[in-house]
PDB file of N, CA and C in Angstrom:
ATOM      1  N   MET A   1     -12.355  -2.766  33.581  1.00  0.00           N
ATOM      2  CA  MET A   1     -12.904  -2.503  32.258  1.00  0.00           C
ATOM      3  C   MET A   1     -12.762  -3.731  31.373  1.00  0.00           C
ATOM      4  N   THR A   2     -13.758  -3.952  30.571  1.00  0.00           N
ATOM      5  CA  THR A   2     -13.665  -5.065  29.637  1.00  0.00           C
ATOM      6  C   THR A   2     -12.873  -4.634  28.411  1.00  0.00           C
ATOM      7  N   GLU A   3     -12.477  -5.596  27.611  1.00  0.00           N
ATOM      8  CA  GLU A   3     -11.635  -5.302  26.464  1.00  0.00           C
ATOM      9  C   GLU A   3     -12.378  -4.560  25.355  1.00  0.00           C
ATOM     10  N   LEU A   4     -13.656  -4.824  25.179  1.00  0.00           N
ATOM     11  CA  LEU A   4     -14.403  -4.189  24.099  1.00  0.00           C
ATOM     12  C   LEU A   4     -14.449  -2.671  24.226  1.00  0.00           C
ATOM     13  N   PRO A   5     -14.832  -2.113  25.386  1.00  0.00           N
ATOM     14  CA  PRO A   5     -14.809  -0.652  25.494  1.00  0.00           C
ATOM     15  C   PRO A   5     -13.403  -0.072  25.329  1.00  0.00           C
ATOM     16  N   LEU A   6     -12.393  -0.779  25.798  1.00  0.00           N
ATOM     17  CA  LEU A   6     -11.011  -0.326  25.603  1.00  0.00           C
ATOM     18  C   LEU A   6     -10.690  -0.256  24.117  1.00  0.00           C
ATOM     19  N   ARG A   7     -11.041  -1.319  23.408  1.00  0.00           N
ATOM     20  CA  ARG A   7     -10.778  -1.374  21.977  1.00  0.00           C
ATOM     21  C   ARG A   7     -11.511  -0.245  21.254  1.00  0.00           C
ATOM     22  N   ASN A   8     -12.759  -0.017  21.640  1.00  0.00           N
ATOM     23  CA  ASN A   8     -13.538   1.065  21.016  1.00  0.00           C
ATOM     24  C   ASN A   8     -12.916   2.419  21.295  1.00  0.00           C
ATOM     25  N   THR A   9     -12.476   2.636  22.527  1.00  0.00           N
ATOM     26  CA  THR A   9     -11.869   3.916  22.903  1.00  0.00           C
ATOM     27  C   THR A   9     -10.580   4.142  22.118  1.00  0.00           C
ATOM     28  N   VAL A  10      -9.757   3.111  22.028  1.00  0.00           N
ATOM     29  CA  VAL A  10      -8.506   3.224  21.281  1.00  0.00           C
ATOM     30  C   VAL A  10      -8.807   3.514  19.808  1.00  0.00           C
ATOM     31  N   PHE A  11      -9.782   2.807  19.231  1.00  0.00           N
ATOM     32  CA  PHE A  11     -10.129   3.031  17.830  1.00  0.00           C
ATOM     33  C   PHE A  11     -10.656   4.449  17.607  1.00  0.00           C
ATOM     34  N   GLU A  12     -11.460   4.950  18.525  1.00  0.00           N
ATOM     35  CA  GLU A  12     -11.978   6.323  18.396  1.00  0.00           C
ATOM     36  C   GLU A  12     -10.841   7.342  18.392  1.00  0.00           C
ATOM     37  N   LYS A  13      -9.848   7.128  19.240  1.00  0.00           N
ATOM     38  CA  LYS A  13      -8.680   8.029  19.276  1.00  0.00           C
ATOM     39  C   LYS A  13      -7.954   8.000  17.937  1.00  0.00           C
ATOM     40  N   ILE A  14      -7.780   6.811  17.378  1.00  0.00           N
ATOM     41  CA  ILE A  14      -7.095   6.673  16.093  1.00  0.00           C
ATOM     42  C   ILE A  14      -7.925   7.309  14.986  1.00  0.00           C
ATOM     43  N   LYS A  15      -9.235   7.054  15.014  1.00  0.00           N
ATOM     44  CA  LYS A  15     -10.131   7.589  13.993  1.00  0.00           C
ATOM     45  C   LYS A  15     -10.149   9.116  14.018  1.00  0.00           C
ATOM     46  N   THR A  16     -10.152   9.681  15.220  1.00  0.00           N
ATOM     47  CA  THR A  16     -10.159  11.135  15.353  1.00  0.00           C
ATOM     48  C   THR A  16      -8.885  11.742  14.779  1.00  0.00           C
ATOM     49  N   ALA A  17      -7.748  11.102  15.055  1.00  0.00           N
ATOM     50  CA  ALA A  17      -6.467  11.616  14.580  1.00  0.00           C
ATOM     51  C   ALA A  17      -6.229  11.285  13.106  1.00  0.00           C
ATOM     52  N   GLY A  18      -6.802  10.198  12.638  1.00  0.00           N
ATOM     53  CA  GLY A  18      -6.574   9.765  11.263  1.00  0.00           C
ATOM     54  C   GLY A  18      -5.297   8.959  11.132  1.00  0.00           C
ATOM     55  N   SER A  19      -4.200   9.501  11.647  1.00  0.00           N
ATOM     56  CA  SER A  19      -2.908   8.840  11.602  1.00  0.00           C
ATOM     57  C   SER A  19      -2.050   9.391  12.731  1.00  0.00           C
ATOM     58  N   LEU A  20      -1.367   8.518  13.457  1.00  0.00           N
ATOM     59  CA  LEU A  20      -0.492   8.948  14.537  1.00  0.00           C
ATOM     60  C   LEU A  20       0.492   7.843  14.864  1.00  0.00           C
ATOM     61  N   THR A  21       1.501   8.170  15.656  1.00  0.00           N
ATOM     62  CA  THR A  21       2.462   7.150  16.057  1.00  0.00           C
ATOM     63  C   THR A  21       1.948   6.455  17.305  1.00  0.00           C
ATOM     64  N   ASP A  22       2.549   5.313  17.620  1.00  0.00           N
ATOM     65  CA  ASP A  22       2.128   4.595  18.822  1.00  0.00           C
ATOM     66  C   ASP A  22       2.402   5.422  20.076  1.00  0.00           C
ATOM     67  N   GLU A  23       3.491   6.199  20.077  1.00  0.00           N
ATOM     68  CA  GLU A  23       3.813   7.048  21.233  1.00  0.00           C
ATOM     69  C   GLU A  23       2.755   8.143  21.415  1.00  0.00           C
ATOM     70  N   GLU A  24       2.325   8.739  20.307  1.00  0.00           N
ATOM     71  CA  GLU A  24       1.285   9.773  20.378  1.00  0.00           C
ATOM     72  C   GLU A  24      -0.030   9.185  20.894  1.00  0.00           C
ATOM     73  N   LEU A  25      -0.342   7.984  20.472  1.00  0.00           N
ATOM     74  CA  LEU A  25      -1.565   7.321  20.911  1.00  0.00           C
ATOM     75  C   LEU A  25      -1.516   7.024  22.414  1.00  0.00           C
ATOM     76  N   VAL A  26      -0.385   6.533  22.889  1.00  0.00           N
ATOM     77  CA  VAL A  26      -0.232   6.247  24.318  1.00  0.00           C
ATOM     78  C   VAL A  26      -0.397   7.538  25.124  1.00  0.00           C
ATOM     79  N   ARG A  27       0.224   8.631  24.646  1.00  0.00           N
ATOM     80  CA  ARG A  27       0.083   9.928  25.334  1.00  0.00           C
ATOM     81  C   ARG A  27      -1.368  10.391  25.354  1.00  0.00           C
ATOM     82  N   SER A  28      -2.049  10.253  24.226  1.00  0.00           N
ATOM     83  CA  SER A  28      -3.448  10.675  24.126  1.00  0.00           C
ATOM     84  C   SER A  28      -4.328   9.862  25.075  1.00  0.00           C
ATOM     85  N   LEU A  29      -4.090   8.562  25.145  1.00  0.00           N
ATOM     86  CA  LEU A  29      -4.857   7.711  26.048  1.00  0.00           C
ATOM     87  C   LEU A  29      -4.565   8.070  27.509  1.00  0.00           C
ATOM     88  N   SER A  30      -3.307   8.367  27.824  1.00  0.00           N
ATOM     89  CA  SER A  30      -2.928   8.749  29.186  1.00  0.00           C
ATOM     90  C   SER A  30      -3.631  10.029  29.614  1.00  0.00           C
ATOM     91  N   LYS A  31      -3.723  10.990  28.689  1.00  0.00           N
ATOM     92  CA  LYS A  31      -4.427  12.246  28.999  1.00  0.00           C
ATOM     93  C   LYS A  31      -5.897  11.996  29.310  1.00  0.00           C
ATOM     94  N   SER A  32      -6.453  10.948  28.700  1.00  0.00           N
ATOM     95  CA  SER A  32      -7.852  10.594  28.933  1.00  0.00           C
ATOM     96  C   SER A  32      -8.026   9.721  30.175  1.00  0.00           C
ATOM     97  N   GLY A  33      -6.927   9.440  30.860  1.00  0.00           N
ATOM     98  CA  GLY A  33      -7.011   8.643  32.070  1.00  0.00           C
ATOM     99  C   GLY A  33      -6.890   7.154  31.853  1.00  0.00           C
ATOM    100  N   MET A  34      -6.521   6.729  30.642  1.00  0.00           N
ATOM    101  CA  MET A  34      -6.368   5.309  30.337  1.00  0.00           C
ATOM    102  C   MET A  34      -4.885   4.965  30.266  1.00  0.00           C
ATOM    103  N   VAL A  35      -4.408   4.219  31.219  1.00  0.00           N
ATOM    104  CA  VAL A  35      -3.030   3.754  31.185  1.00  0.00           C
ATOM    105  C   VAL A  35      -3.074   2.250  30.951  1.00  0.00           C
ATOM    106  N   LEU A  36      -2.522   1.840  29.815  1.00  0.00           N
ATOM    107  CA  LEU A  36      -2.550   0.428  29.434  1.00  0.00           C
ATOM    108  C   LEU A  36      -1.155  -0.163  29.524  1.00  0.00           C
ATOM    109  N   ALA A  37      -1.069  -1.400  29.967  1.00  0.00           N
ATOM    110  CA  ALA A  37       0.197  -2.122  29.924  1.00  0.00           C
ATOM    111  C   ALA A  37       0.569  -2.318  28.456  1.00  0.00           C
ATOM    112  N   GLU A  38       1.855  -2.398  28.183  1.00  0.00           N
ATOM    113  CA  GLU A  38       2.313  -2.498  26.797  1.00  0.00           C
ATOM    114  C   GLU A  38       1.744  -3.723  26.086  1.00  0.00           C
ATOM    115  N   ASP A  39       1.677  -4.858  26.778  1.00  0.00           N
ATOM    116  CA  ASP A  39       1.140  -6.061  26.136  1.00  0.00           C
ATOM    117  C   ASP A  39      -0.347  -5.918  25.814  1.00  0.00           C
ATOM    118  N   LYS A  40      -1.103  -5.272  26.696  1.00  0.00           N
ATOM    119  CA  LYS A  40      -2.531  -5.028  26.462  1.00  0.00           C
ATOM    120  C   LYS A  40      -2.718  -4.066  25.278  1.00  0.00           C
ATOM    121  N   PHE A  41      -1.896  -3.013  25.244  1.00  0.00           N
ATOM    122  CA  PHE A  41      -1.928  -2.022  24.165  1.00  0.00           C
ATOM    123  C   PHE A  41      -1.650  -2.713  22.824  1.00  0.00           C
ATOM    124  N   ASN A  42      -0.616  -3.547  22.773  1.00  0.00           N
ATOM    125  CA  ASN A  42      -0.267  -4.258  21.538  1.00  0.00           C
ATOM    126  C   ASN A  42      -1.366  -5.228  21.117  1.00  0.00           C
ATOM    127  N   LYS A  43      -1.993  -5.883  22.079  1.00  0.00           N
ATOM    128  CA  LYS A  43      -3.093  -6.819  21.787  1.00  0.00           C
ATOM    129  C   LYS A  43      -4.275  -6.072  21.163  1.00  0.00           C
ATOM    130  N   ILE A  44      -4.600  -4.900  21.699  1.00  0.00           N
ATOM    131  CA  ILE A  44      -5.710  -4.109  21.151  1.00  0.00           C
ATOM    132  C   ILE A  44      -5.387  -3.662  19.729  1.00  0.00           C
ATOM    133  N   LEU A  45      -4.152  -3.203  19.496  1.00  0.00           N
ATOM    134  CA  LEU A  45      -3.756  -2.798  18.141  1.00  0.00           C
ATOM    135  C   LEU A  45      -3.834  -3.982  17.181  1.00  0.00           C
ATOM    136  N   LEU A  46      -3.382  -5.150  17.622  1.00  0.00           N
ATOM    137  CA  LEU A  46      -3.429  -6.341  16.790  1.00  0.00           C
ATOM    138  C   LEU A  46      -4.875  -6.721  16.464  1.00  0.00           C
ATOM    139  N   ASP A  47      -5.747  -6.680  17.472  1.00  0.00           N
ATOM    140  CA  ASP A  47      -7.168  -6.994  17.246  1.00  0.00           C
ATOM    141  C   ASP A  47      -7.787  -6.033  16.233  1.00  0.00           C
ATOM    142  N   LEU A  48      -7.508  -4.749  16.377  1.00  0.00           N
ATOM    143  CA  LEU A  48      -8.061  -3.752  15.455  1.00  0.00           C
ATOM    144  C   LEU A  48      -7.529  -3.954  14.036  1.00  0.00           C
ATOM    145  N   GLU A  49      -6.256  -4.350  13.948  1.00  0.00           N
ATOM    146  CA  GLU A  49      -5.676  -4.583  12.627  1.00  0.00           C
ATOM    147  C   GLU A  49      -6.268  -5.843  11.988  1.00  0.00           C
ATOM    148  N   ILE A  50      -6.465  -6.887  12.772  1.00  0.00           N
ATOM    149  CA  ILE A  50      -7.068  -8.121  12.263  1.00  0.00           C
ATOM    150  C   ILE A  50      -8.498  -7.862  11.787  1.00  0.00           C
ATOM    151  N   MET A  51      -9.218  -7.005  12.500  1.00  0.00           N
ATOM    152  CA  MET A  51     -10.592  -6.670  12.098  1.00  0.00           C
ATOM    153  C   MET A  51     -10.619  -5.749  10.872  1.00  0.00           C
ATOM    154  N   GLY A  52      -9.459  -5.294  10.419  1.00  0.00           N
ATOM    155  CA  GLY A  52      -9.385  -4.456   9.226  1.00  0.00           C
ATOM    156  C   GLY A  52      -9.718  -3.000   9.479  1.00  0.00           C
ATOM    157  N   LEU A  53      -9.718  -2.575  10.735  1.00  0.00           N
ATOM    158  CA  LEU A  53     -10.076  -1.193  11.057  1.00  0.00           C
ATOM    159  C   LEU A  53      -8.884  -0.246  11.008  1.00  0.00           C
ATOM    160  N   ILE A  54      -7.688  -0.772  11.300  1.00  0.00           N
ATOM    161  CA  ILE A  54      -6.490   0.063  11.279  1.00  0.00           C
ATOM    162  C   ILE A  54      -5.378  -0.629  10.512  1.00  0.00           C
ATOM    163  N   LYS A  55      -4.352   0.155  10.191  1.00  0.00           N
ATOM    164  CA  LYS A  55      -3.155  -0.349   9.550  1.00  0.00           C
ATOM    165  C   LYS A  55      -1.978   0.089  10.407  1.00  0.00           C
ATOM    166  N   VAL A  56      -1.103  -0.827  10.770  1.00  0.00           N
ATOM    167  CA  VAL A  56       0.070  -0.505  11.584  1.00  0.00           C
ATOM    168  C   VAL A  56       1.308  -0.803  10.759  1.00  0.00           C
ATOM    169  N   SER A  57       2.209   0.176  10.682  1.00  0.00           N
ATOM    170  CA  SER A  57       3.460  -0.030   9.950  1.00  0.00           C
ATOM    171  C   SER A  57       4.605   0.570  10.756  1.00  0.00           C
ATOM    172  N   TRP A  58       5.791   0.065  10.536  1.00  0.00           N
ATOM    173  CA  TRP A  58       6.958   0.539  11.272  1.00  0.00           C
ATOM    174  C   TRP A  58       7.548   1.746  10.575  1.00  0.00           C
ATOM    175  N   LEU A  59       7.759   2.844  11.344  1.00  0.00           N
ATOM    176  CA  LEU A  59       8.443   4.026  10.826  1.00  0.00           C
ATOM    177  C   LEU A  59       9.937   3.904  11.087  1.00  0.00           C
ATOM    178  N   THR A  60      10.279   3.580  12.323  1.00  0.00           N
ATOM    179  CA  THR A  60      11.671   3.351  12.712  1.00  0.00           C
ATOM    180  C   THR A  60      11.701   2.052  13.497  1.00  0.00           C
ATOM    181  N   LYS A  61      12.866   1.726  14.019  1.00  0.00           N
ATOM    182  CA  LYS A  61      13.018   0.491  14.780  1.00  0.00           C
ATOM    183  C   LYS A  61      12.082   0.447  15.987  1.00  0.00           C
ATOM    184  N   ASP A  62      11.814   1.586  16.603  1.00  0.00           N
ATOM    185  CA  ASP A  62      11.015   1.632  17.828  1.00  0.00           C
ATOM    186  C   ASP A  62       9.667   2.347  17.685  1.00  0.00           C
ATOM    187  N   THR A  63       9.368   2.877  16.516  1.00  0.00           N
ATOM    188  CA  THR A  63       8.156   3.686  16.357  1.00  0.00           C
ATOM    189  C   THR A  63       7.257   3.102  15.269  1.00  0.00           C
ATOM    190  N   ARG A  64       5.980   2.966  15.616  1.00  0.00           N
ATOM    191  CA  ARG A  64       4.991   2.468  14.656  1.00  0.00           C
ATOM    192  C   ARG A  64       4.046   3.586  14.253  1.00  0.00           C
ATOM    193  N   ARG A  65       3.619   3.553  13.010  1.00  0.00           N
ATOM    194  CA  ARG A  65       2.598   4.479  12.516  1.00  0.00           C
ATOM    195  C   ARG A  65       1.284   3.717  12.504  1.00  0.00           C
ATOM    196  N   ILE A  66       0.258   4.354  13.068  1.00  0.00           N
ATOM    197  CA  ILE A  66      -1.063   3.729  13.150  1.00  0.00           C
ATOM    198  C   ILE A  66      -2.035   4.624  12.400  1.00  0.00           C
ATOM    199  N   GLU A  67      -2.792   4.047  11.491  1.00  0.00           N
ATOM    200  CA  GLU A  67      -3.761   4.846  10.732  1.00  0.00           C
ATOM    201  C   GLU A  67      -5.022   4.038  10.493  1.00  0.00           C
ATOM    202  N   VAL A  68      -6.086   4.753  10.250  1.00  0.00           N
ATOM    203  CA  VAL A  68      -7.372   4.121   9.963  1.00  0.00           C
ATOM    204  C   VAL A  68      -7.309   3.515   8.569  1.00  0.00           C
ATOM    205  N   SER A  69      -7.788   2.290   8.430  1.00  0.00           N
ATOM    206  CA  SER A  69      -7.840   1.648   7.121  1.00  0.00           C
ATOM    207  C   SER A  69      -8.973   2.249   6.313  1.00  0.00           C
ATOM    208  N   VAL A  70      -8.686   2.475   5.047  1.00  0.00           N
ATOM    209  CA  VAL A  70      -9.720   2.969   4.152  1.00  0.00           C
ATOM    210  C   VAL A  70     -10.365   1.754   3.512  1.00  0.00           C
ATOM    211  N   ILE A  71     -11.638   1.585   3.773  1.00  0.00           N
ATOM    212  CA  ILE A  71     -12.357   0.433   3.245  1.00  0.00           C
ATOM    213  C   ILE A  71     -13.084   0.867   1.974  1.00  0.00           C
ATOM    214  N   GLU A  72     -12.674   0.268   0.869  1.00  0.00           N
ATOM    215  CA  GLU A  72     -13.328   0.570  -0.401  1.00  0.00           C
ATOM    216  C   GLU A  72     -14.511  -0.369  -0.556  1.00  0.00           C
ATOM    217  N   GLU A  73     -15.661   0.221  -0.712  1.00  0.00           N
ATOM    218  CA  GLU A  73     -16.859  -0.602  -0.856  1.00  0.00           C
ATOM    219  C   GLU A  73     -17.000  -1.042  -2.304  1.00  0.00           C
ATOM    220  N   GLU A  74     -17.145  -2.330  -2.488  1.00  0.00           N
ATOM    221  CA  GLU A  74     -17.362  -2.848  -3.830  1.00  0.00           C
ATOM    222  C   GLU A  74     -18.828  -2.663  -4.189  1.00  0.00           C
ATOM    223  N   GLU A  75     -19.044  -2.168  -5.394  1.00  0.00           N
ATOM    224  CA  GLU A  75     -20.419  -1.978  -5.832  1.00  0.00           C
ATOM    225  C   GLU A  75     -20.941  -3.284  -6.412  1.00  0.00           C
ATOM    226  N   ASP A  76     -22.072  -3.669  -5.961  1.00  0.00           N
ATOM    227  CA  ASP A  76     -22.715  -4.894  -6.407  1.00  0.00           C
ATOM    228  C   ASP A  76     -22.996  -4.799  -7.908  1.00  0.00           C
ATOM    229  N   GLN A  77     -22.722  -5.878  -8.657  1.00  0.00           N
ATOM    230  CA  GLN A  77     -22.966  -5.864 -10.099  1.00  0.00           C
ATOM    231  C   GLN A  77     -24.432  -5.603 -10.407  1.00  0.00           C
ATOM    232  N   TYR A  78     -25.307  -6.212  -9.650  1.00  0.00           N
ATOM    233  CA  TYR A  78     -26.746  -6.009  -9.859  1.00  0.00           C
ATOM    234  C   TYR A  78     -27.097  -4.535  -9.654  1.00  0.00           C
ATOM    235  N   GLU A  79     -26.557  -3.934  -8.587  1.00  0.00           N
ATOM    236  CA  GLU A  79     -26.822  -2.517  -8.317  1.00  0.00           C
ATOM    237  C   GLU A  79     -26.289  -1.645  -9.452  1.00  0.00           C
ATOM    238  N   GLN A  80     -25.102  -1.970  -9.980  1.00  0.00           N
ATOM    239  CA  GLN A  80     -24.511  -1.209 -11.078  1.00  0.00           C
ATOM    240  C   GLN A  80     -25.392  -1.305 -12.326  1.00  0.00           C
ATOM    241  N   GLN A  81     -25.869  -2.498 -12.657  1.00  0.00           N
ATOM    242  CA  GLN A  81     -26.737  -2.663 -13.824  1.00  0.00           C
ATOM    243  C   GLN A  81     -28.047  -1.913 -13.630  1.00  0.00           C
ATOM    244  N   ASN A  82     -28.598  -1.994 -12.429  1.00  0.00           N
ATOM    245  CA  ASN A  82     -29.838  -1.301 -12.122  1.00  0.00           C
ATOM    246  C   ASN A  82     -29.667   0.212 -12.286  1.00  0.00           C
ATOM    247  N   LYS A  83     -28.552   0.739 -11.788  1.00  0.00           N
ATOM    248  CA  LYS A  83     -28.265   2.174 -11.883  1.00  0.00           C
ATOM    249  C   LYS A  83     -28.141   2.609 -13.347  1.00  0.00           C
ATOM    250  N   GLU A  84     -27.426   1.809 -14.166  1.00  0.00           N
ATOM    251  CA  GLU A  84     -27.261   2.124 -15.583  1.00  0.00           C
ATOM    252  C   GLU A  84     -28.606   2.108 -16.306  1.00  0.00           C
ATOM    253  N   MET A  85     -29.456   1.140 -15.987  1.00  0.00           N
ATOM    254  CA  MET A  85     -30.773   1.033 -16.622  1.00  0.00           C
ATOM    255  C   MET A  85     -31.645   2.236 -16.257  1.00  0.00           C
ATOM    256  N   MET A  86     -31.587   2.647 -14.997  1.00  0.00           N
ATOM    257  CA  MET A  86     -32.379   3.800 -14.571  1.00  0.00           C
ATOM    258  C   MET A  86     -31.905   5.072 -15.275  1.00  0.00           C
ATOM    259  N   GLU A  87     -30.587   5.209 -15.472  1.00  0.00           N
ATOM    260  CA  GLU A  87     -30.059   6.377 -16.182  1.00  0.00           C
ATOM    261  C   GLU A  87     -30.521   6.383 -17.636  1.00  0.00           C
ATOM    262  N   LYS A  88     -30.501   5.211 -18.283  1.00  0.00           N
ATOM    263  CA  LYS A  88     -30.962   5.112 -19.673  1.00  0.00           C
ATOM    264  C   LYS A  88     -32.450   5.435 -19.775  1.00  0.00           C
ATOM    265  N   ASP A  89     -33.242   4.909 -18.846  1.00  0.00           N
ATOM    266  CA  ASP A  89     -34.677   5.184 -18.838  1.00  0.00           C
ATOM    267  C   ASP A  89     -34.933   6.676 -18.632  1.00  0.00           C
ATOM    268  N   TYR A  90     -34.170   7.298 -17.754  1.00  0.00           N
ATOM    269  CA  TYR A  90     -34.336   8.727 -17.488  1.00  0.00           C
ATOM    270  C   TYR A  90     -34.019   9.534 -18.745  1.00  0.00           C
ATOM    271  N   GLU A  91     -32.905   9.189 -19.402  1.00  0.00           N
ATOM    272  CA  GLU A  91     -32.526   9.904 -20.623  1.00  0.00           C
ATOM    273  C   GLU A  91     -33.546   9.683 -21.736  1.00  0.00           C
ATOM    274  N   ALA A  92     -34.135   8.488 -21.792  1.00  0.00           N
ATOM    275  CA  ALA A  92     -35.124   8.166 -22.828  1.00  0.00           C
ATOM    276  C   ALA A  92     -36.448   8.891 -22.571  1.00  0.00           C
ATOM    277  N   SER A  93     -36.631   9.399 -21.362  1.00  0.00           N
ATOM    278  CA  SER A  93     -37.896  10.094 -21.055  1.00  0.00           C
ATOM    279  C   SER A  93     -37.947  11.500 -21.626  1.00  0.00           C
ATOM    280  N   PHE A  94     -36.877  11.935 -22.308  1.00  0.00           N
ATOM    281  CA  PHE A  94     -36.861  13.234 -22.974  1.00  0.00           C
ATOM    282  C   PHE A  94     -36.744  13.020 -24.476  1.00  0.00           C
ATOM    283  N   PRO A  95     -37.899  12.736 -25.145  1.00  0.00           N
ATOM    284  CA  PRO A  95     -37.853  12.338 -26.553  1.00  0.00           C
ATOM    285  C   PRO A  95     -37.384  13.429 -27.508  1.00  0.00           C
ATOM    286  N   GLY A  96     -37.564  14.694 -27.203  1.00  0.00           N
ATOM    287  CA  GLY A  96     -37.211  15.753 -28.141  1.00  0.00           C
ATOM    288  C   GLY A  96     -35.754  16.175 -28.061  1.00  0.00           C
ATOM    289  N   LEU A  97     -34.972  15.561 -27.231  1.00  0.00           N
ATOM    290  CA  LEU A  97     -33.586  16.011 -27.047  1.00  0.00           C
ATOM    291  C   LEU A  97     -32.565  15.050 -27.652  1.00  0.00           C
ATOM    292  N   GLU A  98     -32.877  14.472 -28.796  1.00  0.00           N
ATOM    293  CA  GLU A  98     -31.942  13.560 -29.435  1.00  0.00           C
ATOM    294  C   GLU A  98     -30.850  14.364 -30.099  1.00  0.00           C
ATOM    295  N   GLU A  99     -29.643  13.746 -30.208  1.00  0.00           N
ATOM    296  CA  GLU A  99     -28.520  14.440 -30.812  1.00  0.00           C
ATOM    297  C   GLU A  99     -28.769  14.652 -32.277  1.00  0.00           C
ATOM    298  N   SER A 100     -28.321  15.808 -32.796  1.00  0.00           N
ATOM    299  CA  SER A 100     -28.521  16.144 -34.211  1.00  0.00           C
ATOM    300  C   SER A 100     -27.374  15.672 -35.059  1.00  0.00           C
TER     301      SER A 100
END
């Protein structure tokens, strides 16, 4: 197997769970028939973390928590101005509803 499908499979498991420990992830992968060497497993986690897809933090000395990164999308300033202008135009299209 190439590394890309492995990485995708591992990410899908994490995404489905939302958050899990490294031990839970290894068990889940084993149930699916994927047994990874520890160095390969760590490399995949590192790659996913570098790509910004997951966050790995230590819970205890031997246990890591793995969770999907929440990516906040920045709204483009142009899009924000456009949206505000469209809202103003929409409100202005009702001439008889001015505040008293």
